[in-house]
C-alpha atoms as a PDB file:
ATOM      1  CA  MET A   1     -12.731  13.772  18.829  1.00  0.00           C
ATOM      2  CA  LEU A   2      -9.243  13.221  20.122  1.00  0.00           C
ATOM      3  CA  SER A   3      -9.275   9.551  19.104  1.00  0.00           C
ATOM      4  CA  ASN A   4      -9.956  10.540  15.469  1.00  0.00           C
ATOM      5  CA  PHE A   5      -7.025  12.964  15.598  1.00  0.00           C
ATOM      6  CA  PHE A   6      -4.698  10.189  16.764  1.00  0.00           C
ATOM      7  CA  GLU A   7      -6.060   7.796  14.146  1.00  0.00           C
ATOM      8  CA  VAL A   8      -5.492  10.318  11.342  1.00  0.00           C
ATOM      9  CA  SER A   9      -2.002  11.039  12.709  1.00  0.00           C
ATOM     10  CA  MET A  10      -1.147   7.330  12.621  1.00  0.00           C
ATOM     11  CA  LEU A  11      -2.463   6.991   9.073  1.00  0.00           C
ATOM     12  CA  PHE A  12      -0.528  10.097   8.005  1.00  0.00           C
ATOM     13  CA  CYS A  13       2.715   8.652   9.397  1.00  0.00           C
ATOM     14  CA  PHE A  14       2.122   5.408   7.509  1.00  0.00           C
ATOM     15  CA  ALA A  15       1.368   7.386   4.347  1.00  0.00           C
ATOM     16  CA  LEU A  16       4.769   9.068   4.655  1.00  0.00           C
ATOM     17  CA  ALA A  17       6.554   5.711   4.785  1.00  0.00           C
ATOM     18  CA  TRP A  18       4.894   3.966   1.822  1.00  0.00           C
ATOM     19  CA  PRO A  19       6.358   6.142  -0.965  1.00  0.00           C
ATOM     20  CA  ALA A  20       9.875   5.151   0.151  1.00  0.00           C
ATOM     21  CA  ALA A  21       8.854   1.485   0.058  1.00  0.00           C
ATOM     22  CA  LEU A  22       7.335   1.961  -3.400  1.00  0.00           C
ATOM     23  CA  HIS A  23      10.507   3.627  -4.660  1.00  0.00           C
ATOM     24  CA  LYS A  24      12.604   0.752  -3.342  1.00  0.00           C
ATOM     25  CA  SER A  25      10.299  -1.792  -4.992  1.00  0.00           C
ATOM     26  CA  TRP A  26      10.454   0.087  -8.295  1.00  0.00           C
ATOM     27  CA  THR A  27      14.214   0.602  -8.411  1.00  0.00           C
ATOM     28  CA  SER A  28      15.370  -2.719  -6.914  1.00  0.00           C
ATOM     29  CA  ARG A  29      13.512  -4.729  -9.580  1.00  0.00           C
ATOM     30  CA  THR A  30      13.354  -7.728  -7.215  1.00  0.00           C
ATOM     31  CA  ARG A  31      10.864  -9.043  -4.705  1.00  0.00           C
ATOM     32  CA  LYS A  32      13.622 -10.078  -2.311  1.00  0.00           C
ATOM     33  CA  GLY A  33      13.169  -8.429   1.048  1.00  0.00           C
ATOM     34  CA  LYS A  34       9.418  -8.005   0.531  1.00  0.00           C
ATOM     35  CA  SER A  35       6.769 -10.104   2.222  1.00  0.00           C
ATOM     36  CA  LEU A  36       3.656 -10.737   0.165  1.00  0.00           C
ATOM     37  CA  MET A  37       1.813 -11.880   3.281  1.00  0.00           C
ATOM     38  CA  PHE A  38       2.693  -8.624   5.081  1.00  0.00           C
ATOM     39  CA  LEU A  39       1.414  -6.534   2.176  1.00  0.00           C
ATOM     40  CA  ILE A  40      -1.830  -8.503   2.020  1.00  0.00           C
ATOM     41  CA  VAL A  41      -2.420  -8.283   5.788  1.00  0.00           C
ATOM     42  CA  VAL A  42      -1.807  -4.519   5.786  1.00  0.00           C
ATOM     43  CA  GLU A  43      -4.135  -4.101   2.791  1.00  0.00           C
ATOM     44  CA  ILE A  44      -6.852  -6.051   4.618  1.00  0.00           C
ATOM     45  CA  GLY A  45      -6.300  -3.810   7.640  1.00  0.00           C
ATOM     46  CA  TYR A  46      -6.880  -0.675   5.580  1.00  0.00           C
ATOM     47  CA  ILE A  47      -9.966  -2.210   3.978  1.00  0.00           C
ATOM     48  CA  CYS A  48     -11.289  -2.945   7.477  1.00  0.00           C
ATOM     49  CA  GLY A  49     -10.595   0.691   8.399  1.00  0.00           C
ATOM     50  CA  VAL A  50     -12.653   1.830   5.411  1.00  0.00           C
ATOM     51  CA  ALA A  51     -15.440  -0.558   6.448  1.00  0.00           C
ATOM     52  CA  LYS A  52     -15.330   0.839  10.009  1.00  0.00           C
ATOM     53  CA  VAL A  53     -15.865   4.355   8.691  1.00  0.00           C
ATOM     54  CA  ILE A  54     -18.634   3.293   6.296  1.00  0.00           C
ATOM     55  CA  VAL A  55     -20.482   1.354   8.991  1.00  0.00           C
ATOM     56  CA  GLY A  56     -20.575   4.599  10.925  1.00  0.00           C
ATOM     57  CA  ASP A  57     -18.101   4.126  13.747  1.00  0.00           C
ATOM     58  CA  GLY A  58     -15.834   6.925  12.601  1.00  0.00           C
ATOM     59  CA  SER A  59     -15.791  10.360  11.042  1.00  0.00           C
ATOM     60  CA  LYS A  60     -16.286  10.326   7.283  1.00  0.00           C
ATOM     61  CA  TYR A  61     -13.070  12.330   6.723  1.00  0.00           C
ATOM     62  CA  LEU A  62     -11.153   9.235   7.893  1.00  0.00           C
ATOM     63  CA  LEU A  63     -12.035   7.631   4.540  1.00  0.00           C
ATOM     64  CA  ILE A  64      -9.433   9.794   2.789  1.00  0.00           C
ATOM     65  CA  PRO A  65      -6.308   8.538   4.600  1.00  0.00           C
ATOM     66  CA  TYR A  66      -7.560   4.944   4.678  1.00  0.00           C
ATOM     67  CA  ILE A  67      -8.249   4.911   0.932  1.00  0.00           C
ATOM     68  CA  PHE A  68      -4.978   6.730   0.180  1.00  0.00           C
ATOM     69  CA  ASN A  69      -2.948   4.187   2.170  1.00  0.00           C
ATOM     70  CA  ALA A  70      -4.847   1.256   0.664  1.00  0.00           C
ATOM     71  CA  THR A  71      -4.050   2.644  -2.795  1.00  0.00           C
ATOM     72  CA  LEU A  72      -0.345   2.861  -1.936  1.00  0.00           C
ATOM     73  CA  ILE A  73      -0.376  -0.762  -0.758  1.00  0.00           C
ATOM     74  CA  SER A  74      -2.155  -1.786  -3.966  1.00  0.00           C
ATOM     75  CA  CYS A  75       0.647  -0.125  -5.941  1.00  0.00           C
ATOM     76  CA  ASP A  76       3.232  -2.014  -3.900  1.00  0.00           C
ATOM     77  CA  LEU A  77       1.359  -5.265  -4.578  1.00  0.00           C
ATOM     78  CA  LEU A  78       1.504  -4.518  -8.319  1.00  0.00           C
ATOM     79  CA  LEU A  79       5.238  -3.901  -8.030  1.00  0.00           C
ATOM     80  CA  TYR A  80       5.631  -7.148  -6.086  1.00  0.00           C
ATOM     81  CA  TYR A  81       3.927  -8.931  -8.987  1.00  0.00           C
ATOM     82  CA  ARG A  82       6.195  -7.136 -11.485  1.00  0.00           C
ATOM     83  CA  ASN A  83       9.312  -7.969  -9.503  1.00  0.00           C
ATOM     84  CA  TYR A  84       8.218 -11.585  -9.119  1.00  0.00           C
ATOM     85  CA  ARG A  85       7.980 -11.846 -12.892  1.00  0.00           C
ATOM     86  CA  LEU A  86      11.369 -10.182 -13.298  1.00  0.00           C
ATOM     87  CA  ASP A  87      12.917 -12.584 -10.769  1.00  0.00           C
ATOM     88  CA  GLU A  88      11.468 -15.526 -12.701  1.00  0.00           C
ATOM     89  CA  GLY A  89      12.674 -14.161 -16.041  1.00  0.00           C
ATOM     90  CA  LYS A  90       9.149 -13.749 -17.383  1.00  0.00           C
ATOM     91  CA  SER A  91       7.814 -10.840 -19.410  1.00  0.00           C
ATOM     92  CA  VAL A  92       6.245  -7.924 -17.573  1.00  0.00           C
ATOM     93  CA  PRO A  93       3.137  -5.995 -18.687  1.00  0.00           C
ATOM     94  CA  GLN A  94       4.019  -2.721 -20.435  1.00  0.00           C
ATOM     95  CA  PHE A  95       2.507  -0.466 -17.759  1.00  0.00           C
ATOM     96  CA  LEU A  96       4.763  -2.065 -15.113  1.00  0.00           C
ATOM     97  CA  ARG A  97       7.994  -1.773 -17.045  1.00  0.00           C
ATOM     98  CA  ALA A  98      10.619   0.624 -15.783  1.00  0.00           C
ATOM     99  CA  SER A  99      12.473   2.624 -18.374  1.00  0.00           C
ATOM    100  CA  LYS A 100      16.225   2.218 -18.245  1.00  0.00           C
END
C-alpha cells in the first residue's frame, strides 16, 4: 500500500534525526534545551503506532521502525535523566557515565 510506504518513509526520516539528538544529549552533559514533555509525548506516539500495527490496522513490517524509534527515544529519556542528575550535582549510575 502506498500509505504504508509513506508511513515507513516518515519513520525512517525521524530515525535519521534521533542519533544526532542522542549525541548532543550525551556530549552536552546538560538537560538544557531538552523538553521532557516533548520526549514523553513522542514516545507515547510511537507506542500508539506499535499498538496500531498490533491491533491489525497496519502491515506487520511497520513494527520495526516504530520499535526502533521508540528505543531511540527511550535512550534519550535515559540521557535526560543522566543530565538532570549532572545538572543537580548528583551522582550518576555507572552505565550512564561518559568517559572523559
